[in-house]
Amino acid sequence: MLKVKLKEIAKLDVGLAFRTTPKTSSNGNISVIQMKDLGGDNIVNFDNLIKINQDNPKEQYLARKNNLIVRSRGLNNKVSLIDQDCEGVIVSAPLFILRIISTDILPEYLFFYLNQKSSQDYLAKCAKGSVVKMIGREDIENLPIKIPSLDQQKAIGRIANMINREKVILDQIKQKREL
């Protein structure tokens, strides 16, 4: 099993920092992923993205299928997966966009790995701040990643997806019982 630093297999871009609250527009040409759009299942929820008007957003802010979204602040450092095609969607700060640059790793596996206790513990140890915890870019980039074979990654990704779906279904059942 290969062991590398995250920066060796993926590029980390910070989301777009708005100077003020983004001015929303129902006819906007760009949708914006914010912290509130990262669901409990760690999948990006595209249903309620705000829309803004912005000409020619920079490529570094654009979200793509199989990108991972990393929370850099708050109590929860879980990583979310963009599991669908998306055009005209940007990511806002303080989120990071993680883009895989290596053919040795699958997005589903990296998504699973980054949400495991060992990775989350690493990120928690790197967090700084007394009230609002923040994780720096270098700390995320230096996170050690264990890379099994592609076949093993595919199997792990399938199992992780099933576990994630099960959690969503159990949450739905729980909510219906509370009604």
Foldseek 3Di string as FASTA:
>chain_A
DDKDFQLVFKDKFAFAEDPDPADFDPPAQAFEQEPVQQDPLQEGNPPDTTGHHDPDDDPQFDDAALKKKFAFKAPDGQIHGHHDGDDRYGYHPPIMIIGTDDPQAGSLLVNVQCRDPVNRVQQVVQWDDDPMTGHDPVSNRGRMDDGDGPVVSVVVSVVSVVVSVVVVVVVVVVVVVVD
